[in-house]
Amino acid sequence: MAKDDEEKEKRRRKQFKRMGKILGKVWDLDASFQDRTADDTDPDVVLCLTDIGRRIDEQAYRLGKHGWEDFARDLGGVFNRHAKG
């Protein structure tokens, strides 16, 4: 593995570790944010904190600024959805 690839992988691991810590802190806020309801059938749409955790585990977020923006959009969408509901 080239030095650049090693550095990129190191940054990727650090980013996902930070995302996991953030998710861990908001996990305890309200259990209703954690799970989908029975009528939520599309598995590709982020609707709960569990979906965000799954995406972190799968490393589905891009590396760097764009990945953080995607993470923030998903996290904000979960809270917005539950605030309206």
PDB file of N, CA and C in Angstrom:
ATOM      1  N   MET A   1       0.855  -1.170   0.000  1.00  0.00           N
ATOM      2  CA  MET A   1       0.000   0.000   0.000  1.00  0.00           C
ATOM      3  C   MET A   1       0.906   1.240   0.000  1.00  0.00           C
ATOM      4  N   ALA A   2       0.618   2.162  -0.842  1.00  0.00           N
ATOM      5  CA  ALA A   2       1.405   3.387  -0.952  1.00  0.00           C
ATOM      6  C   ALA A   2       1.180   4.272   0.271  1.00  0.00           C
ATOM      7  N   LYS A   3       2.133   5.159   0.491  1.00  0.00           N
ATOM      8  CA  LYS A   3       2.060   6.061   1.650  1.00  0.00           C
ATOM      9  C   LYS A   3       0.787   6.906   1.611  1.00  0.00           C
ATOM     10  N   ASP A   4       0.412   7.382   0.421  1.00  0.00           N
ATOM     11  CA  ASP A   4      -0.808   8.183   0.287  1.00  0.00           C
ATOM     12  C   ASP A   4      -2.046   7.364   0.642  1.00  0.00           C
ATOM     13  N   ASP A   5      -2.067   6.111   0.220  1.00  0.00           N
ATOM     14  CA  ASP A   5      -3.205   5.241   0.528  1.00  0.00           C
ATOM     15  C   ASP A   5      -3.297   4.970   2.025  1.00  0.00           C
ATOM     16  N   GLU A   6      -2.148   4.784   2.660  1.00  0.00           N
ATOM     17  CA  GLU A   6      -2.136   4.560   4.110  1.00  0.00           C
ATOM     18  C   GLU A   6      -2.649   5.784   4.857  1.00  0.00           C
ATOM     19  N   GLU A   7      -2.229   6.949   4.424  1.00  0.00           N
ATOM     20  CA  GLU A   7      -2.674   8.194   5.061  1.00  0.00           C
ATOM     21  C   GLU A   7      -4.174   8.395   4.865  1.00  0.00           C
ATOM     22  N   LYS A   8      -4.647   8.098   3.677  1.00  0.00           N
ATOM     23  CA  LYS A   8      -6.071   8.242   3.386  1.00  0.00           C
ATOM     24  C   LYS A   8      -6.893   7.276   4.242  1.00  0.00           C
ATOM     25  N   GLU A   9      -6.421   6.061   4.384  1.00  0.00           N
ATOM     26  CA  GLU A   9      -7.121   5.069   5.205  1.00  0.00           C
ATOM     27  C   GLU A   9      -7.106   5.476   6.678  1.00  0.00           C
ATOM     28  N   LYS A  10      -6.020   6.055   7.127  1.00  0.00           N
ATOM     29  CA  LYS A  10      -5.930   6.539   8.508  1.00  0.00           C
ATOM     30  C   LYS A  10      -6.941   7.658   8.754  1.00  0.00           C
ATOM     31  N   ARG A  11      -7.044   8.587   7.801  1.00  0.00           N
ATOM     32  CA  ARG A  11      -8.035   9.678   7.924  1.00  0.00           C
ATOM     33  C   ARG A  11      -9.450   9.120   7.895  1.00  0.00           C
ATOM     34  N   ARG A  12      -9.681   8.126   7.047  1.00  0.00           N
ATOM     35  CA  ARG A  12     -11.008   7.510   6.947  1.00  0.00           C
ATOM     36  C   ARG A  12     -11.399   6.869   8.285  1.00  0.00           C
ATOM     37  N   ARG A  13     -10.507   6.100   8.887  1.00  0.00           N
ATOM     38  CA  ARG A  13     -10.797   5.459  10.174  1.00  0.00           C
ATOM     39  C   ARG A  13     -11.073   6.509  11.252  1.00  0.00           C
ATOM     40  N   LYS A  14     -10.290   7.574  11.258  1.00  0.00           N
ATOM     41  CA  LYS A  14     -10.472   8.639  12.250  1.00  0.00           C
ATOM     42  C   LYS A  14     -11.831   9.314  12.068  1.00  0.00           C
ATOM     43  N   GLN A  15     -12.213   9.568  10.815  1.00  0.00           N
ATOM     44  CA  GLN A  15     -13.504  10.207  10.533  1.00  0.00           C
ATOM     45  C   GLN A  15     -14.652   9.333  11.010  1.00  0.00           C
ATOM     46  N   PHE A  16     -14.625   8.035  10.712  1.00  0.00           N
ATOM     47  CA  PHE A  16     -15.722   7.155  11.115  1.00  0.00           C
ATOM     48  C   PHE A  16     -15.758   6.956  12.619  1.00  0.00           C
ATOM     49  N   LYS A  17     -14.600   7.001  13.265  1.00  0.00           N
ATOM     50  CA  LYS A  17     -14.570   6.908  14.721  1.00  0.00           C
ATOM     51  C   LYS A  17     -15.247   8.136  15.332  1.00  0.00           C
ATOM     52  N   ARG A  18     -14.967   9.310  14.791  1.00  0.00           N
ATOM     53  CA  ARG A  18     -15.611  10.539  15.283  1.00  0.00           C
ATOM     54  C   ARG A  18     -17.114  10.509  15.042  1.00  0.00           C
ATOM     55  N   MET A  19     -17.523  10.060  13.867  1.00  0.00           N
ATOM     56  CA  MET A  19     -18.955   9.959  13.572  1.00  0.00           C
ATOM     57  C   MET A  19     -19.626   9.013  14.559  1.00  0.00           C
ATOM     58  N   GLY A  20     -18.972   7.909  14.865  1.00  0.00           N
ATOM     59  CA  GLY A  20     -19.511   6.950  15.828  1.00  0.00           C
ATOM     60  C   GLY A  20     -19.661   7.552  17.212  1.00  0.00           C
ATOM     61  N   LYS A  21     -18.701   8.366  17.622  1.00  0.00           N
ATOM     62  CA  LYS A  21     -18.791   9.025  18.928  1.00  0.00           C
ATOM     63  C   LYS A  21     -19.962   9.996  18.972  1.00  0.00           C
ATOM     64  N   ILE A  22     -20.139  10.752  17.906  1.00  0.00           N
ATOM     65  CA  ILE A  22     -21.269  11.695  17.842  1.00  0.00           C
ATOM     66  C   ILE A  22     -22.580  10.932  17.909  1.00  0.00           C
ATOM     67  N   LEU A  23     -22.678   9.869  17.128  1.00  0.00           N
ATOM     68  CA  LEU A  23     -23.899   9.061  17.125  1.00  0.00           C
ATOM     69  C   LEU A  23     -24.152   8.473  18.510  1.00  0.00           C
ATOM     70  N   GLY A  24     -23.101   8.042  19.181  1.00  0.00           N
ATOM     71  CA  GLY A  24     -23.246   7.491  20.527  1.00  0.00           C
ATOM     72  C   GLY A  24     -23.809   8.504  21.510  1.00  0.00           C
ATOM     73  N   LYS A  25     -23.414   9.759  21.378  1.00  0.00           N
ATOM     74  CA  LYS A  25     -23.904  10.800  22.287  1.00  0.00           C
ATOM     75  C   LYS A  25     -25.374  11.119  22.053  1.00  0.00           C
ATOM     76  N   VAL A  26     -25.817  11.114  20.810  1.00  0.00           N
ATOM     77  CA  VAL A  26     -27.224  11.439  20.545  1.00  0.00           C
ATOM     78  C   VAL A  26     -28.129  10.217  20.702  1.00  0.00           C
ATOM     79  N   TRP A  27     -27.543   9.033  20.763  1.00  0.00           N
ATOM     80  CA  TRP A  27     -28.318   7.793  20.866  1.00  0.00           C
ATOM     81  C   TRP A  27     -29.208   7.796  22.104  1.00  0.00           C
ATOM     82  N   ASP A  28     -28.732   8.356  23.206  1.00  0.00           N
ATOM     83  CA  ASP A  28     -29.463   8.333  24.470  1.00  0.00           C
ATOM     84  C   ASP A  28     -30.499   9.441  24.615  1.00  0.00           C
ATOM     85  N   LEU A  29     -30.594  10.330  23.639  1.00  0.00           N
ATOM     86  CA  LEU A  29     -31.530  11.455  23.778  1.00  0.00           C
ATOM     87  C   LEU A  29     -32.984  11.004  23.839  1.00  0.00           C
ATOM     88  N   ASP A  30     -33.388  10.151  22.937  1.00  0.00           N
ATOM     89  CA  ASP A  30     -34.770   9.703  22.890  1.00  0.00           C
ATOM     90  C   ASP A  30     -34.814   8.409  22.087  1.00  0.00           C
ATOM     91  N   ALA A  31     -35.395   7.392  22.657  1.00  0.00           N
ATOM     92  CA  ALA A  31     -35.437   6.084  21.994  1.00  0.00           C
ATOM     93  C   ALA A  31     -36.216   6.133  20.680  1.00  0.00           C
ATOM     94  N   SER A  32     -37.120   7.092  20.525  1.00  0.00           N
ATOM     95  CA  SER A  32     -37.911   7.151  19.295  1.00  0.00           C
ATOM     96  C   SER A  32     -37.061   7.471  18.072  1.00  0.00           C
ATOM     97  N   PHE A  33     -35.876   8.004  18.282  1.00  0.00           N
ATOM     98  CA  PHE A  33     -34.982   8.313  17.161  1.00  0.00           C
ATOM     99  C   PHE A  33     -34.242   7.072  16.662  1.00  0.00           C
ATOM    100  N   GLN A  34     -34.293   5.981  17.426  1.00  0.00           N
ATOM    101  CA  GLN A  34     -33.438   4.844  17.147  1.00  0.00           C
ATOM    102  C   GLN A  34     -33.988   3.865  16.124  1.00  0.00           C
ATOM    103  N   ASP A  35     -35.277   3.677  16.068  1.00  0.00           N
ATOM    104  CA  ASP A  35     -35.835   2.609  15.244  1.00  0.00           C
ATOM    105  C   ASP A  35     -36.871   3.123  14.257  1.00  0.00           C
ATOM    106  N   ARG A  36     -37.000   2.389  13.173  1.00  0.00           N
ATOM    107  CA  ARG A  36     -38.020   2.682  12.169  1.00  0.00           C
ATOM    108  C   ARG A  36     -39.380   2.258  12.700  1.00  0.00           C
ATOM    109  N   THR A  37     -40.415   2.829  12.142  1.00  0.00           N
ATOM    110  CA  THR A  37     -41.760   2.360  12.466  1.00  0.00           C
ATOM    111  C   THR A  37     -42.147   1.277  11.464  1.00  0.00           C
ATOM    112  N   ALA A  38     -43.223   0.591  11.729  1.00  0.00           N
ATOM    113  CA  ALA A  38     -43.632  -0.535  10.889  1.00  0.00           C
ATOM    114  C   ALA A  38     -43.959  -0.120   9.451  1.00  0.00           C
ATOM    115  N   ASP A  39     -44.363   1.134   9.242  1.00  0.00           N
ATOM    116  CA  ASP A  39     -44.735   1.570   7.899  1.00  0.00           C
ATOM    117  C   ASP A  39     -43.556   2.104   7.082  1.00  0.00           C
ATOM    118  N   ASP A  40     -42.359   2.116   7.639  1.00  0.00           N
ATOM    119  CA  ASP A  40     -41.162   2.557   6.923  1.00  0.00           C
ATOM    120  C   ASP A  40     -40.552   1.359   6.210  1.00  0.00           C
ATOM    121  N   THR A  41     -40.728   1.287   4.898  1.00  0.00           N
ATOM    122  CA  THR A  41     -40.329   0.084   4.174  1.00  0.00           C
ATOM    123  C   THR A  41     -39.091   0.238   3.305  1.00  0.00           C
ATOM    124  N   ASP A  42     -38.690   1.445   2.958  1.00  0.00           N
ATOM    125  CA  ASP A  42     -37.546   1.628   2.066  1.00  0.00           C
ATOM    126  C   ASP A  42     -36.247   1.569   2.870  1.00  0.00           C
ATOM    127  N   PRO A  43     -35.449   0.498   2.722  1.00  0.00           N
ATOM    128  CA  PRO A  43     -34.242   0.348   3.536  1.00  0.00           C
ATOM    129  C   PRO A  43     -33.112   1.309   3.160  1.00  0.00           C
ATOM    130  N   ASP A  44     -33.189   1.954   2.008  1.00  0.00           N
ATOM    131  CA  ASP A  44     -32.123   2.854   1.569  1.00  0.00           C
ATOM    132  C   ASP A  44     -32.298   4.287   2.060  1.00  0.00           C
ATOM    133  N   VAL A  45     -33.437   4.592   2.652  1.00  0.00           N
ATOM    134  CA  VAL A  45     -33.700   5.935   3.148  1.00  0.00           C
ATOM    135  C   VAL A  45     -33.336   5.988   4.635  1.00  0.00           C
ATOM    136  N   VAL A  46     -32.578   7.003   5.020  1.00  0.00           N
ATOM    137  CA  VAL A  46     -32.166   7.159   6.415  1.00  0.00           C
ATOM    138  C   VAL A  46     -33.314   7.793   7.187  1.00  0.00           C
ATOM    139  N   LEU A  47     -33.898   7.004   8.105  1.00  0.00           N
ATOM    140  CA  LEU A  47     -35.044   7.477   8.867  1.00  0.00           C
ATOM    141  C   LEU A  47     -34.832   7.435  10.373  1.00  0.00           C
ATOM    142  N   CYS A  48     -33.754   6.817  10.817  1.00  0.00           N
ATOM    143  CA  CYS A  48     -33.524   6.687  12.252  1.00  0.00           C
ATOM    144  C   CYS A  48     -32.023   6.613  12.530  1.00  0.00           C
ATOM    145  N   LEU A  49     -31.666   6.698  13.794  1.00  0.00           N
ATOM    146  CA  LEU A  49     -30.254   6.650  14.176  1.00  0.00           C
ATOM    147  C   LEU A  49     -29.630   5.294  13.857  1.00  0.00           C
ATOM    148  N   THR A  50     -30.426   4.241  13.881  1.00  0.00           N
ATOM    149  CA  THR A  50     -29.924   2.911  13.528  1.00  0.00           C
ATOM    150  C   THR A  50     -29.438   2.892  12.081  1.00  0.00           C
ATOM    151  N   ASP A  51     -30.157   3.568  11.196  1.00  0.00           N
ATOM    152  CA  ASP A  51     -29.739   3.650   9.787  1.00  0.00           C
ATOM    153  C   ASP A  51     -28.405   4.383   9.653  1.00  0.00           C
ATOM    154  N   ILE A  52     -28.225   5.435  10.429  1.00  0.00           N
ATOM    155  CA  ILE A  52     -26.969   6.182  10.381  1.00  0.00           C
ATOM    156  C   ILE A  52     -25.828   5.303  10.891  1.00  0.00           C
ATOM    157  N   GLY A  53     -26.068   4.575  11.960  1.00  0.00           N
ATOM    158  CA  GLY A  53     -25.057   3.659  12.482  1.00  0.00           C
ATOM    159  C   GLY A  53     -24.681   2.592  11.469  1.00  0.00           C
ATOM    160  N   ARG A  54     -25.678   2.083  10.750  1.00  0.00           N
ATOM    161  CA  ARG A  54     -25.421   1.085   9.713  1.00  0.00           C
ATOM    162  C   ARG A  54     -24.550   1.674   8.615  1.00  0.00           C
ATOM    163  N   ARG A  55     -24.834   2.913   8.232  1.00  0.00           N
ATOM    164  CA  ARG A  55     -24.040   3.567   7.187  1.00  0.00           C
ATOM    165  C   ARG A  55     -22.608   3.823   7.655  1.00  0.00           C
ATOM    166  N   ILE A  56     -22.420   4.136   8.936  1.00  0.00           N
ATOM    167  CA  ILE A  56     -21.070   4.301   9.471  1.00  0.00           C
ATOM    168  C   ILE A  56     -20.336   2.962   9.416  1.00  0.00           C
ATOM    169  N   ASP A  57     -21.006   1.891   9.860  1.00  0.00           N
ATOM    170  CA  ASP A  57     -20.390   0.564   9.842  1.00  0.00           C
ATOM    171  C   ASP A  57     -20.002   0.132   8.431  1.00  0.00           C
ATOM    172  N   GLU A  58     -20.826   0.488   7.460  1.00  0.00           N
ATOM    173  CA  GLU A  58     -20.556   0.131   6.068  1.00  0.00           C
ATOM    174  C   GLU A  58     -19.599   1.104   5.389  1.00  0.00           C
ATOM    175  N   GLN A  59     -19.190   2.135   6.117  1.00  0.00           N
ATOM    176  CA  GLN A  59     -18.336   3.205   5.591  1.00  0.00           C
ATOM    177  C   GLN A  59     -18.937   3.809   4.321  1.00  0.00           C
ATOM    178  N   ALA A  60     -20.223   4.092   4.401  1.00  0.00           N
ATOM    179  CA  ALA A  60     -20.955   4.627   3.252  1.00  0.00           C
ATOM    180  C   ALA A  60     -20.752   6.127   3.073  1.00  0.00           C
ATOM    181  N   TYR A  61     -20.266   6.809   4.101  1.00  0.00           N
ATOM    182  CA  TYR A  61     -20.026   8.243   3.975  1.00  0.00           C
ATOM    183  C   TYR A  61     -18.675   8.491   3.312  1.00  0.00           C
ATOM    184  N   ARG A  62     -18.640   9.511   2.467  1.00  0.00           N
ATOM    185  CA  ARG A  62     -17.399   9.849   1.764  1.00  0.00           C
ATOM    186  C   ARG A  62     -16.368  10.404   2.741  1.00  0.00           C
ATOM    187  N   LEU A  63     -15.131  10.371   2.335  1.00  0.00           N
ATOM    188  CA  LEU A  63     -14.051  10.896   3.152  1.00  0.00           C
ATOM    189  C   LEU A  63     -14.002  12.417   3.046  1.00  0.00           C
ATOM    190  N   GLY A  64     -13.819  13.076   4.170  1.00  0.00           N
ATOM    191  CA  GLY A  64     -13.624  14.520   4.176  1.00  0.00           C
ATOM    192  C   GLY A  64     -14.898  15.317   4.333  1.00  0.00           C
ATOM    193  N   LYS A  65     -14.840  16.539   3.860  1.00  0.00           N
ATOM    194  CA  LYS A  65     -15.912  17.514   4.035  1.00  0.00           C
ATOM    195  C   LYS A  65     -17.256  17.003   3.522  1.00  0.00           C
ATOM    196  N   HIS A  66     -17.259  16.386   2.366  1.00  0.00           N
ATOM    197  CA  HIS A  66     -18.521  15.916   1.784  1.00  0.00           C
ATOM    198  C   HIS A  66     -19.146  14.809   2.631  1.00  0.00           C
ATOM    199  N   GLY A  67     -18.319  13.959   3.192  1.00  0.00           N
ATOM    200  CA  GLY A  67     -18.824  12.909   4.067  1.00  0.00           C
ATOM    201  C   GLY A  67     -19.455  13.482   5.329  1.00  0.00           C
ATOM    202  N   TRP A  68     -18.805  14.499   5.895  1.00  0.00           N
ATOM    203  CA  TRP A  68     -19.363  15.154   7.078  1.00  0.00           C
ATOM    204  C   TRP A  68     -20.676  15.857   6.741  1.00  0.00           C
ATOM    205  N   GLU A  69     -20.754  16.438   5.569  1.00  0.00           N
ATOM    206  CA  GLU A  69     -22.002  17.091   5.154  1.00  0.00           C
ATOM    207  C   GLU A  69     -23.119  16.065   5.003  1.00  0.00           C
ATOM    208  N   ASP A  70     -22.806  14.918   4.425  1.00  0.00           N
ATOM    209  CA  ASP A  70     -23.802  13.850   4.275  1.00  0.00           C
ATOM    210  C   ASP A  70     -24.254  13.342   5.644  1.00  0.00           C
ATOM    211  N   PHE A  71     -23.298  13.159   6.550  1.00  0.00           N
ATOM    212  CA  PHE A  71     -23.604  12.704   7.906  1.00  0.00           C
ATOM    213  C   PHE A  71     -24.512  13.710   8.620  1.00  0.00           C
ATOM    214  N   ALA A  72     -24.163  14.984   8.524  1.00  0.00           N
ATOM    215  CA  ALA A  72     -24.963  16.036   9.165  1.00  0.00           C
ATOM    216  C   ALA A  72     -26.364  16.108   8.563  1.00  0.00           C
ATOM    217  N   ARG A  73     -26.463  15.949   7.246  1.00  0.00           N
ATOM    218  CA  ARG A  73     -27.772  15.964   6.587  1.00  0.00           C
ATOM    219  C   ARG A  73     -28.638  14.808   7.088  1.00  0.00           C
ATOM    220  N   ASP A  74     -28.057  13.621   7.185  1.00  0.00           N
ATOM    221  CA  ASP A  74     -28.812  12.466   7.661  1.00  0.00           C
ATOM    222  C   ASP A  74     -29.230  12.632   9.117  1.00  0.00           C
ATOM    223  N   LEU A  75     -28.310  13.089   9.954  1.00  0.00           N
ATOM    224  CA  LEU A  75     -28.606  13.280  11.370  1.00  0.00           C
ATOM    225  C   LEU A  75     -29.680  14.345  11.561  1.00  0.00           C
ATOM    226  N   GLY A  76     -29.542  15.447  10.853  1.00  0.00           N
ATOM    227  CA  GLY A  76     -30.559  16.505  10.926  1.00  0.00           C
ATOM    228  C   GLY A  76     -31.898  16.035  10.401  1.00  0.00           C
ATOM    229  N   GLY A  77     -31.882  15.222   9.361  1.00  0.00           N
ATOM    230  CA  GLY A  77     -33.126  14.690   8.801  1.00  0.00           C
ATOM    231  C   GLY A  77     -33.867  13.800   9.779  1.00  0.00           C
ATOM    232  N   VAL A  78     -33.125  13.000  10.539  1.00  0.00           N
ATOM    233  CA  VAL A  78     -33.754  12.134  11.541  1.00  0.00           C
ATOM    234  C   VAL A  78     -34.440  12.992  12.601  1.00  0.00           C
ATOM    235  N   PHE A  79     -33.732  13.992  13.118  1.00  0.00           N
ATOM    236  CA  PHE A  79     -34.328  14.830  14.165  1.00  0.00           C
ATOM    237  C   PHE A  79     -35.480  15.656  13.616  1.00  0.00           C
ATOM    238  N   ASN A  80     -35.351  16.149  12.400  1.00  0.00           N
ATOM    239  CA  ASN A  80     -36.431  16.920  11.789  1.00  0.00           C
ATOM    240  C   ASN A  80     -37.673  16.060  11.595  1.00  0.00           C
ATOM    241  N   ARG A  81     -37.490  14.849  11.130  1.00  0.00           N
ATOM    242  CA  ARG A  81     -38.603  13.933  10.893  1.00  0.00           C
ATOM    243  C   ARG A  81     -39.352  13.664  12.191  1.00  0.00           C
ATOM    244  N   HIS A  82     -38.613  13.436  13.284  1.00  0.00           N
ATOM    245  CA  HIS A  82     -39.258  13.131  14.553  1.00  0.00           C
ATOM    246  C   HIS A  82     -39.840  14.375  15.219  1.00  0.00           C
ATOM    247  N   ALA A  83     -39.288  15.537  14.940  1.00  0.00           N
ATOM    248  CA  ALA A  83     -39.826  16.779  15.490  1.00  0.00           C
ATOM    249  C   ALA A  83     -41.179  17.106  14.874  1.00  0.00           C
ATOM    250  N   LYS A  84     -41.317  16.778  13.596  1.00  0.00           N
ATOM    251  CA  LYS A  84     -42.595  17.022  12.917  1.00  0.00           C
ATOM    252  C   LYS A  84     -43.648  16.000  13.288  1.00  0.00           C
ATOM    253  N   GLY A  85     -43.196  14.780  13.559  1.00  0.00           N
ATOM    254  CA  GLY A  85     -44.105  13.673  13.789  1.00  0.00           C
ATOM    255  C   GLY A  85     -44.684  13.680  15.139  1.00  0.00           C
TER     256      GLY A  85
END
